[in-house]
Amino acid sequence: MPDQTVKVVAITGASSGIGEATARRLAADGHRLFLGARRTDRLDRLVTEITANGGAAAAQRLDVTEAADVQDFVAAAKERYGRVDVMVNNAGVMPLSPLEALRTEEWNCMIDVNVRGVLHGICAALPVMRAQGGGHVVNIASVGAHEVSPTAAVYCATKFAVRAISEGLRQESAGDVRVTLVSPGVTESELADSIADPDARAAMRAYRAVALPASAIADAVAYAISQPPHVDVNEIVVRPAASAQ
């Protein structure tokens, strides 16, 4: 890593996919991890794996839609390690459907997890980072933050929001808190499992025929946080080389 400083990294949605892969990669780089998700059994297995390999990791149950839960999560990370250097807002859901299907509960779920969850993460981490003199917020968005496709209007809207929030935070941070937006293209994950609409599910199965491993996104996160303090990697878009999407 260009910057050899060991960092304390809090990761939401760490029980699978990009969050899990990021935890493994950053543990291998020597960082100290605090992992959050709702599925504590999977978190516990991941912590056991990381510590067995000589890494430093702990976990706590986390529902990012609950502001108090996220506050407790960040406070616990700080209590355990003394600081929080990086907050990776990764938790997300993607129950796609056409707007005419009127799946309002799914729309609200995406807004709660994908937008409010990121805001809750920023709200919890930012005061800690300001008090300690710096930090780094990494928000995981999507290529859906840059383009819109059928059945994905609400999902893309949430990711456009994450992109706007990230840029706003960057402009307001005056150099003491770095901000990175990582926008993955099609990536192997469990996101598509939440799609209940049959047509959207079938379309996504075809769309995901060419996909990146989650480790590719973890590499992007590792690159961003490894840069020296005067370098702020603001935005990374990662797509499969063999796909036009």
C-alpha atoms as a PDB file:
ATOM      1  CA  MET A   1       0.000   0.000   0.000  1.00  0.00           C
ATOM      2  CA  PRO A   2       1.359   3.512  -0.763  1.00  0.00           C
ATOM      3  CA  ASP A   3       0.281   4.583   2.749  1.00  0.00           C
ATOM      4  CA  GLN A   4       1.372   1.987   5.300  1.00  0.00           C
ATOM      5  CA  THR A   5      -0.726   3.419   8.140  1.00  0.00           C
ATOM      6  CA  VAL A   6      -2.976   0.831   9.714  1.00  0.00           C
ATOM      7  CA  LYS A   7      -6.541   2.138   9.667  1.00  0.00           C
ATOM      8  CA  VAL A   8      -9.655   1.316  11.628  1.00  0.00           C
ATOM      9  CA  VAL A   9     -12.348   0.551   9.063  1.00  0.00           C
ATOM     10  CA  ALA A  10     -16.067   0.184   9.766  1.00  0.00           C
ATOM     11  CA  ILE A  11     -18.028  -1.634   7.040  1.00  0.00           C
ATOM     12  CA  THR A  12     -21.804  -1.913   6.756  1.00  0.00           C
ATOM     13  CA  GLY A  13     -23.418  -4.776   4.888  1.00  0.00           C
ATOM     14  CA  ALA A  14     -20.356  -6.890   5.620  1.00  0.00           C
ATOM     15  CA  SER A  15     -22.026 -10.303   5.728  1.00  0.00           C
ATOM     16  CA  SER A  16     -21.884 -10.965   1.966  1.00  0.00           C
ATOM     17  CA  GLY A  17     -20.896  -9.683  -1.459  1.00  0.00           C
ATOM     18  CA  ILE A  18     -18.868  -6.503  -1.726  1.00  0.00           C
ATOM     19  CA  GLY A  19     -18.858  -5.878   2.026  1.00  0.00           C
ATOM     20  CA  GLU A  20     -17.522  -9.335   2.806  1.00  0.00           C
ATOM     21  CA  ALA A  21     -14.910  -9.155   0.054  1.00  0.00           C
ATOM     22  CA  THR A  22     -13.819  -5.703   1.230  1.00  0.00           C
ATOM     23  CA  ALA A  23     -13.412  -6.992   4.771  1.00  0.00           C
ATOM     24  CA  ARG A  24     -11.189  -9.836   3.583  1.00  0.00           C
ATOM     25  CA  ARG A  25      -9.070  -7.556   1.382  1.00  0.00           C
ATOM     26  CA  LEU A  26      -8.576  -4.852   4.008  1.00  0.00           C
ATOM     27  CA  ALA A  27      -7.797  -7.425   6.690  1.00  0.00           C
ATOM     28  CA  ALA A  28      -5.124  -8.857   4.402  1.00  0.00           C
ATOM     29  CA  ASP A  29      -3.724  -5.327   4.071  1.00  0.00           C
ATOM     30  CA  GLY A  30      -3.392  -5.158   7.858  1.00  0.00           C
ATOM     31  CA  HIS A  31      -6.277  -2.839   8.713  1.00  0.00           C
ATOM     32  CA  ARG A  32      -8.426  -3.303  11.823  1.00  0.00           C
ATOM     33  CA  LEU A  33     -12.054  -3.978  10.997  1.00  0.00           C
ATOM     34  CA  PHE A  34     -15.415  -3.461  12.627  1.00  0.00           C
ATOM     35  CA  LEU A  35     -18.128  -5.213  10.655  1.00  0.00           C
ATOM     36  CA  GLY A  36     -21.879  -4.704  10.669  1.00  0.00           C
ATOM     37  CA  ALA A  37     -24.880  -6.477   9.137  1.00  0.00           C
ATOM     38  CA  ARG A  38     -28.139  -8.071  10.196  1.00  0.00           C
ATOM     39  CA  ARG A  39     -26.969 -11.662   9.680  1.00  0.00           C
ATOM     40  CA  THR A  40     -24.761 -12.090  12.726  1.00  0.00           C
ATOM     41  CA  ASP A  41     -24.045 -15.763  12.036  1.00  0.00           C
ATOM     42  CA  ARG A  42     -22.279 -14.828   8.812  1.00  0.00           C
ATOM     43  CA  LEU A  43     -20.492 -11.934  10.480  1.00  0.00           C
ATOM     44  CA  ASP A  44     -19.238 -14.239  13.214  1.00  0.00           C
ATOM     45  CA  ARG A  45     -17.874 -16.719  10.671  1.00  0.00           C
ATOM     46  CA  LEU A  46     -16.107 -13.911   8.819  1.00  0.00           C
ATOM     47  CA  VAL A  47     -14.549 -12.532  12.007  1.00  0.00           C
ATOM     48  CA  THR A  48     -13.379 -16.024  12.948  1.00  0.00           C
ATOM     49  CA  GLU A  49     -11.811 -16.482   9.520  1.00  0.00           C
ATOM     50  CA  ILE A  50     -10.039 -13.117   9.597  1.00  0.00           C
ATOM     51  CA  THR A  51      -8.684 -13.526  13.118  1.00  0.00           C
ATOM     52  CA  ALA A  52      -7.572 -17.101  12.406  1.00  0.00           C
ATOM     53  CA  ASN A  53      -5.481 -15.676   9.570  1.00  0.00           C
ATOM     54  CA  GLY A  54      -3.843 -13.143  11.887  1.00  0.00           C
ATOM     55  CA  GLY A  55      -6.126 -10.190  11.151  1.00  0.00           C
ATOM     56  CA  ALA A  56      -7.993  -7.897  13.512  1.00  0.00           C
ATOM     57  CA  ALA A  57     -11.774  -7.880  13.259  1.00  0.00           C
ATOM     58  CA  ALA A  58     -14.896  -7.621  15.380  1.00  0.00           C
ATOM     59  CA  ALA A  59     -18.571  -7.393  14.509  1.00  0.00           C
ATOM     60  CA  GLN A  60     -21.899  -6.123  15.747  1.00  0.00           C
ATOM     61  CA  ARG A  61     -25.436  -6.581  14.500  1.00  0.00           C
ATOM     62  CA  LEU A  62     -26.459  -3.580  12.425  1.00  0.00           C
ATOM     63  CA  ASP A  63     -29.622  -2.376  10.706  1.00  0.00           C
ATOM     64  CA  VAL A  64     -28.640   0.733   8.752  1.00  0.00           C
ATOM     65  CA  THR A  65     -32.250   1.891   8.520  1.00  0.00           C
ATOM     66  CA  GLU A  66     -32.150   2.586  12.270  1.00  0.00           C
ATOM     67  CA  ALA A  67     -30.162   5.739  13.031  1.00  0.00           C
ATOM     68  CA  ALA A  68     -29.574   4.731  16.649  1.00  0.00           C
ATOM     69  CA  ASP A  69     -28.257   1.346  15.506  1.00  0.00           C
ATOM     70  CA  VAL A  70     -25.663   3.012  13.289  1.00  0.00           C
ATOM     71  CA  GLN A  71     -24.674   5.432  16.046  1.00  0.00           C
ATOM     72  CA  ASP A  72     -24.123   2.481  18.388  1.00  0.00           C
ATOM     73  CA  PHE A  73     -22.156   0.644  15.697  1.00  0.00           C
ATOM     74  CA  VAL A  74     -19.702   3.492  15.128  1.00  0.00           C
ATOM     75  CA  ALA A  75     -19.430   4.157  18.877  1.00  0.00           C
ATOM     76  CA  ALA A  76     -18.588   0.486  19.453  1.00  0.00           C
ATOM     77  CA  ALA A  77     -15.898   0.592  16.753  1.00  0.00           C
ATOM     78  CA  LYS A  78     -14.359   3.652  18.392  1.00  0.00           C
ATOM     79  CA  GLU A  79     -14.556   2.088  21.837  1.00  0.00           C
ATOM     80  CA  ARG A  80     -12.809  -1.057  20.626  1.00  0.00           C
ATOM     81  CA  TYR A  81     -10.053   0.546  18.560  1.00  0.00           C
ATOM     82  CA  GLY A  82      -9.870   4.144  19.809  1.00  0.00           C
ATOM     83  CA  ARG A  83     -10.780   5.771  16.505  1.00  0.00           C
ATOM     84  CA  VAL A  84     -12.620   5.266  13.205  1.00  0.00           C
ATOM     85  CA  ASP A  85     -10.524   6.155  10.169  1.00  0.00           C
ATOM     86  CA  VAL A  86     -12.743   4.821   7.374  1.00  0.00           C
ATOM     87  CA  MET A  87     -16.499   4.361   7.144  1.00  0.00           C
ATOM     88  CA  VAL A  88     -17.563   2.129   4.249  1.00  0.00           C
ATOM     89  CA  ASN A  89     -21.289   2.627   3.626  1.00  0.00           C
ATOM     90  CA  ASN A  90     -21.914  -0.522   1.642  1.00  0.00           C
ATOM     91  CA  ALA A  91     -25.287  -1.930   2.727  1.00  0.00           C
ATOM     92  CA  GLY A  92     -27.804  -1.881  -0.120  1.00  0.00           C
ATOM     93  CA  VAL A  93     -30.841  -3.580  -1.629  1.00  0.00           C
ATOM     94  CA  MET A  94     -32.105  -3.832  -5.207  1.00  0.00           C
ATOM     95  CA  PRO A  95     -35.682  -5.168  -5.552  1.00  0.00           C
ATOM     96  CA  LEU A  96     -36.222  -4.028  -9.135  1.00  0.00           C
ATOM     97  CA  SER A  97     -39.645  -3.737 -10.771  1.00  0.00           C
ATOM     98  CA  PRO A  98     -41.366  -1.491 -13.322  1.00  0.00           C
ATOM     99  CA  LEU A  99     -42.987   1.564 -11.799  1.00  0.00           C
ATOM    100  CA  GLU A 100     -46.413   0.417 -12.986  1.00  0.00           C
ATOM    101  CA  ALA A 101     -46.110  -2.596 -10.670  1.00  0.00           C
ATOM    102  CA  LEU A 102     -46.636  -0.099  -7.822  1.00  0.00           C
ATOM    103  CA  ARG A 103     -44.430  -1.990  -5.369  1.00  0.00           C
ATOM    104  CA  THR A 104     -44.351   0.895  -2.913  1.00  0.00           C
ATOM    105  CA  GLU A 105     -43.029  -1.179   0.001  1.00  0.00           C
ATOM    106  CA  GLU A 106     -40.018  -2.132  -2.107  1.00  0.00           C
ATOM    107  CA  TRP A 107     -39.485   1.489  -3.126  1.00  0.00           C
ATOM    108  CA  ASN A 108     -39.526   2.555   0.509  1.00  0.00           C
ATOM    109  CA  CYS A 109     -37.130  -0.243   1.444  1.00  0.00           C
ATOM    110  CA  MET A 110     -34.626   0.940  -1.166  1.00  0.00           C
ATOM    111  CA  ILE A 111     -34.911   4.524   0.045  1.00  0.00           C
ATOM    112  CA  ASP A 112     -34.490   3.445   3.665  1.00  0.00           C
ATOM    113  CA  VAL A 113     -31.448   1.224   3.092  1.00  0.00           C
ATOM    114  CA  ASN A 114     -29.714   2.835   0.138  1.00  0.00           C
ATOM    115  CA  VAL A 115     -30.204   6.508   1.018  1.00  0.00           C
ATOM    116  CA  ARG A 116     -31.081   6.800   4.697  1.00  0.00           C
ATOM    117  CA  GLY A 117     -28.565   4.072   5.494  1.00  0.00           C
ATOM    118  CA  VAL A 118     -25.769   6.106   3.917  1.00  0.00           C
ATOM    119  CA  LEU A 119     -26.913   9.273   5.678  1.00  0.00           C
ATOM    120  CA  HIS A 120     -27.037   7.430   8.989  1.00  0.00           C
ATOM    121  CA  GLY A 121     -23.472   6.228   8.396  1.00  0.00           C
ATOM    122  CA  ILE A 122     -22.249   9.727   7.639  1.00  0.00           C
ATOM    123  CA  CYS A 123     -24.127  11.132  10.638  1.00  0.00           C
ATOM    124  CA  ALA A 124     -22.513   8.602  12.973  1.00  0.00           C
ATOM    125  CA  ALA A 125     -18.977   8.730  11.583  1.00  0.00           C
ATOM    126  CA  LEU A 126     -18.504  12.400  10.721  1.00  0.00           C
ATOM    127  CA  PRO A 127     -18.381  13.788  14.291  1.00  0.00           C
ATOM    128  CA  VAL A 128     -15.866  11.093  15.264  1.00  0.00           C
ATOM    129  CA  MET A 129     -13.682  11.905  12.268  1.00  0.00           C
ATOM    130  CA  ARG A 130     -13.875  15.658  12.875  1.00  0.00           C
ATOM    131  CA  ALA A 131     -12.907  15.185  16.534  1.00  0.00           C
ATOM    132  CA  GLN A 132      -9.908  13.001  15.704  1.00  0.00           C
ATOM    133  CA  GLY A 133      -8.706  15.324  12.955  1.00  0.00           C
ATOM    134  CA  GLY A 134      -9.594  13.365   9.844  1.00  0.00           C
ATOM    135  CA  GLY A 135     -11.115  10.329   8.252  1.00  0.00           C
ATOM    136  CA  HIS A 136     -12.425   8.832   5.046  1.00  0.00           C
ATOM    137  CA  VAL A 137     -16.021   8.087   3.987  1.00  0.00           C
ATOM    138  CA  VAL A 138     -16.403   5.501   1.220  1.00  0.00           C
ATOM    139  CA  ASN A 139     -19.894   5.173  -0.245  1.00  0.00           C
ATOM    140  CA  ILE A 140     -20.716   2.209  -2.458  1.00  0.00           C
ATOM    141  CA  ALA A 141     -23.086   3.295  -5.226  1.00  0.00           C
ATOM    142  CA  SER A 142     -23.558   1.648  -8.636  1.00  0.00           C
ATOM    143  CA  VAL A 143     -23.330   2.386 -12.330  1.00  0.00           C
ATOM    144  CA  GLY A 144     -26.999   3.067 -11.620  1.00  0.00           C
ATOM    145  CA  ALA A 145     -25.777   6.341 -10.130  1.00  0.00           C
ATOM    146  CA  HIS A 146     -24.849   7.400 -13.678  1.00  0.00           C
ATOM    147  CA  GLU A 147     -27.584   5.897 -15.851  1.00  0.00           C
ATOM    148  CA  VAL A 148     -31.169   4.662 -15.637  1.00  0.00           C
ATOM    149  CA  SER A 149     -32.619   1.453 -17.040  1.00  0.00           C
ATOM    150  CA  PRO A 150     -36.153  -0.018 -17.163  1.00  0.00           C
ATOM    151  CA  THR A 151     -37.316  -1.577 -13.855  1.00  0.00           C
ATOM    152  CA  ALA A 152     -34.489   0.255 -12.049  1.00  0.00           C
ATOM    153  CA  ALA A 153     -35.931   3.773 -11.789  1.00  0.00           C
ATOM    154  CA  VAL A 154     -36.207   3.832  -8.007  1.00  0.00           C
ATOM    155  CA  TYR A 155     -32.976   1.899  -7.453  1.00  0.00           C
ATOM    156  CA  CYS A 156     -31.113   4.286  -9.749  1.00  0.00           C
ATOM    157  CA  ALA A 157     -32.727   7.245  -7.988  1.00  0.00           C
ATOM    158  CA  THR A 158     -31.309   6.027  -4.683  1.00  0.00           C
ATOM    159  CA  LYS A 159     -27.858   5.637  -6.191  1.00  0.00           C
ATOM    160  CA  PHE A 160     -28.040   9.057  -7.867  1.00  0.00           C
ATOM    161  CA  ALA A 161     -28.810  10.335  -4.368  1.00  0.00           C
ATOM    162  CA  VAL A 162     -25.755   8.606  -2.916  1.00  0.00           C
ATOM    163  CA  ARG A 163     -23.638  10.206  -5.619  1.00  0.00           C
ATOM    164  CA  ALA A 164     -25.066  13.658  -4.821  1.00  0.00           C
ATOM    165  CA  ILE A 165     -24.609  13.151  -1.080  1.00  0.00           C
ATOM    166  CA  SER A 166     -21.012  12.067  -1.619  1.00  0.00           C
ATOM    167  CA  GLU A 167     -20.201  15.117  -3.734  1.00  0.00           C
ATOM    168  CA  GLY A 168     -21.865  17.406  -1.216  1.00  0.00           C
ATOM    169  CA  LEU A 169     -19.861  15.885   1.629  1.00  0.00           C
ATOM    170  CA  ARG A 170     -16.661  16.254  -0.378  1.00  0.00           C
ATOM    171  CA  GLN A 171     -17.303  19.929  -1.000  1.00  0.00           C
ATOM    172  CA  GLU A 172     -18.113  20.559   2.655  1.00  0.00           C
ATOM    173  CA  SER A 173     -15.179  18.623   4.097  1.00  0.00           C
ATOM    174  CA  ALA A 174     -12.403  21.155   3.472  1.00  0.00           C
ATOM    175  CA  GLY A 175      -9.779  18.453   3.188  1.00  0.00           C
ATOM    176  CA  ASP A 176     -10.039  16.892   6.643  1.00  0.00           C
ATOM    177  CA  VAL A 177     -12.438  14.106   5.645  1.00  0.00           C
ATOM    178  CA  ARG A 178     -11.804  12.402   2.335  1.00  0.00           C
ATOM    179  CA  VAL A 179     -14.771  11.114   0.329  1.00  0.00           C
ATOM    180  CA  THR A 180     -14.825   8.324  -2.240  1.00  0.00           C
ATOM    181  CA  LEU A 181     -17.756   7.084  -4.300  1.00  0.00           C
ATOM    182  CA  VAL A 182     -17.284   3.597  -5.735  1.00  0.00           C
ATOM    183  CA  SER A 183     -19.752   2.703  -8.500  1.00  0.00           C
ATOM    184  CA  PRO A 184     -19.671  -1.001  -9.381  1.00  0.00           C
ATOM    185  CA  GLY A 185     -20.979  -2.363 -12.635  1.00  0.00           C
ATOM    186  CA  VAL A 186     -22.453  -5.858 -12.661  1.00  0.00           C
ATOM    187  CA  THR A 187     -20.887  -7.632  -9.704  1.00  0.00           C
ATOM    188  CA  GLU A 188     -21.399 -11.065  -8.188  1.00  0.00           C
ATOM    189  CA  SER A 189     -23.554 -10.540  -5.097  1.00  0.00           C
ATOM    190  CA  GLU A 190     -26.879 -11.392  -3.503  1.00  0.00           C
ATOM    191  CA  LEU A 191     -28.504  -8.112  -4.578  1.00  0.00           C
ATOM    192  CA  ALA A 192     -30.569  -9.728  -7.312  1.00  0.00           C
ATOM    193  CA  ASP A 193     -32.009 -12.225  -4.829  1.00  0.00           C
ATOM    194  CA  SER A 194     -34.307  -9.492  -3.512  1.00  0.00           C
ATOM    195  CA  ILE A 195     -36.075  -9.039  -6.868  1.00  0.00           C
ATOM    196  CA  ALA A 196     -39.632 -10.363  -6.500  1.00  0.00           C
ATOM    197  CA  ASP A 197     -41.024  -9.102  -9.814  1.00  0.00           C
ATOM    198  CA  PRO A 198     -40.687 -12.110 -12.190  1.00  0.00           C
ATOM    199  CA  ASP A 199     -39.968 -10.131 -15.367  1.00  0.00           C
ATOM    200  CA  ALA A 200     -37.395  -7.931 -13.660  1.00  0.00           C
ATOM    201  CA  ARG A 201     -35.781 -10.999 -12.084  1.00  0.00           C
ATOM    202  CA  ALA A 202     -35.465 -12.716 -15.477  1.00  0.00           C
ATOM    203  CA  ALA A 203     -34.067  -9.577 -17.089  1.00  0.00           C
ATOM    204  CA  MET A 204     -31.510  -9.178 -14.322  1.00  0.00           C
ATOM    205  CA  ARG A 205     -30.435 -12.804 -14.672  1.00  0.00           C
ATOM    206  CA  ALA A 206     -29.552 -12.096 -18.322  1.00  0.00           C
ATOM    207  CA  TYR A 207     -28.008  -8.722 -17.462  1.00  0.00           C
ATOM    208  CA  ARG A 208     -25.712 -10.365 -14.909  1.00  0.00           C
ATOM    209  CA  ALA A 209     -24.388 -12.994 -17.335  1.00  0.00           C
ATOM    210  CA  VAL A 210     -21.042 -11.173 -17.303  1.00  0.00           C
ATOM    211  CA  ALA A 211     -20.138 -10.056 -13.812  1.00  0.00           C
ATOM    212  CA  LEU A 212     -17.142  -8.920 -11.791  1.00  0.00           C
ATOM    213  CA  PRO A 213     -16.085 -10.808  -8.696  1.00  0.00           C
ATOM    214  CA  ALA A 214     -16.785  -8.830  -5.525  1.00  0.00           C
ATOM    215  CA  SER A 215     -13.036  -8.792  -4.907  1.00  0.00           C
ATOM    216  CA  ALA A 216     -12.639  -6.341  -7.819  1.00  0.00           C
ATOM    217  CA  ILE A 217     -14.692  -3.762  -5.931  1.00  0.00           C
ATOM    218  CA  ALA A 218     -12.791  -4.528  -2.740  1.00  0.00           C
ATOM    219  CA  ASP A 219      -9.586  -3.747  -4.640  1.00  0.00           C
ATOM    220  CA  ALA A 220     -11.013  -0.355  -5.611  1.00  0.00           C
ATOM    221  CA  VAL A 221     -11.833   0.452  -1.992  1.00  0.00           C
ATOM    222  CA  ALA A 222      -8.374  -0.670  -0.894  1.00  0.00           C
ATOM    223  CA  TYR A 223      -6.780   1.562  -3.536  1.00  0.00           C
ATOM    224  CA  ALA A 224      -8.769   4.614  -2.473  1.00  0.00           C
ATOM    225  CA  ILE A 225      -8.017   4.348   1.233  1.00  0.00           C
ATOM    226  CA  SER A 226      -4.342   3.518   0.676  1.00  0.00           C
ATOM    227  CA  GLN A 227      -3.497   6.853  -0.909  1.00  0.00           C
ATOM    228  CA  PRO A 228      -1.412   9.382   1.036  1.00  0.00           C
ATOM    229  CA  PRO A 229      -3.352  11.992   3.045  1.00  0.00           C
ATOM    230  CA  HIS A 230      -3.036  14.716   0.407  1.00  0.00           C
ATOM    231  CA  VAL A 231      -4.699  12.520  -2.258  1.00  0.00           C
ATOM    232  CA  ASP A 232      -8.500  12.204  -2.320  1.00  0.00           C
ATOM    233  CA  VAL A 233      -9.789   9.652  -4.819  1.00  0.00           C
ATOM    234  CA  ASN A 234     -13.301  11.014  -5.331  1.00  0.00           C
ATOM    235  CA  GLU A 235     -14.945   8.572  -7.722  1.00  0.00           C
ATOM    236  CA  ILE A 236     -14.222   5.143  -9.146  1.00  0.00           C
ATOM    237  CA  VAL A 237     -16.426   3.344 -11.691  1.00  0.00           C
ATOM    238  CA  VAL A 238     -15.606  -0.357 -12.094  1.00  0.00           C
ATOM    239  CA  ARG A 239     -17.204  -2.385 -14.901  1.00  0.00           C
ATOM    240  CA  PRO A 240     -16.572  -5.832 -16.395  1.00  0.00           C
ATOM    241  CA  ALA A 241     -14.226  -5.405 -19.351  1.00  0.00           C
ATOM    242  CA  ALA A 242     -16.308  -7.822 -21.434  1.00  0.00           C
ATOM    243  CA  SER A 243     -19.573  -5.964 -20.966  1.00  0.00           C
ATOM    244  CA  ALA A 244     -20.948  -2.862 -22.655  1.00  0.00           C
ATOM    245  CA  GLN A 245     -23.165  -2.159 -19.621  1.00  0.00           C
END
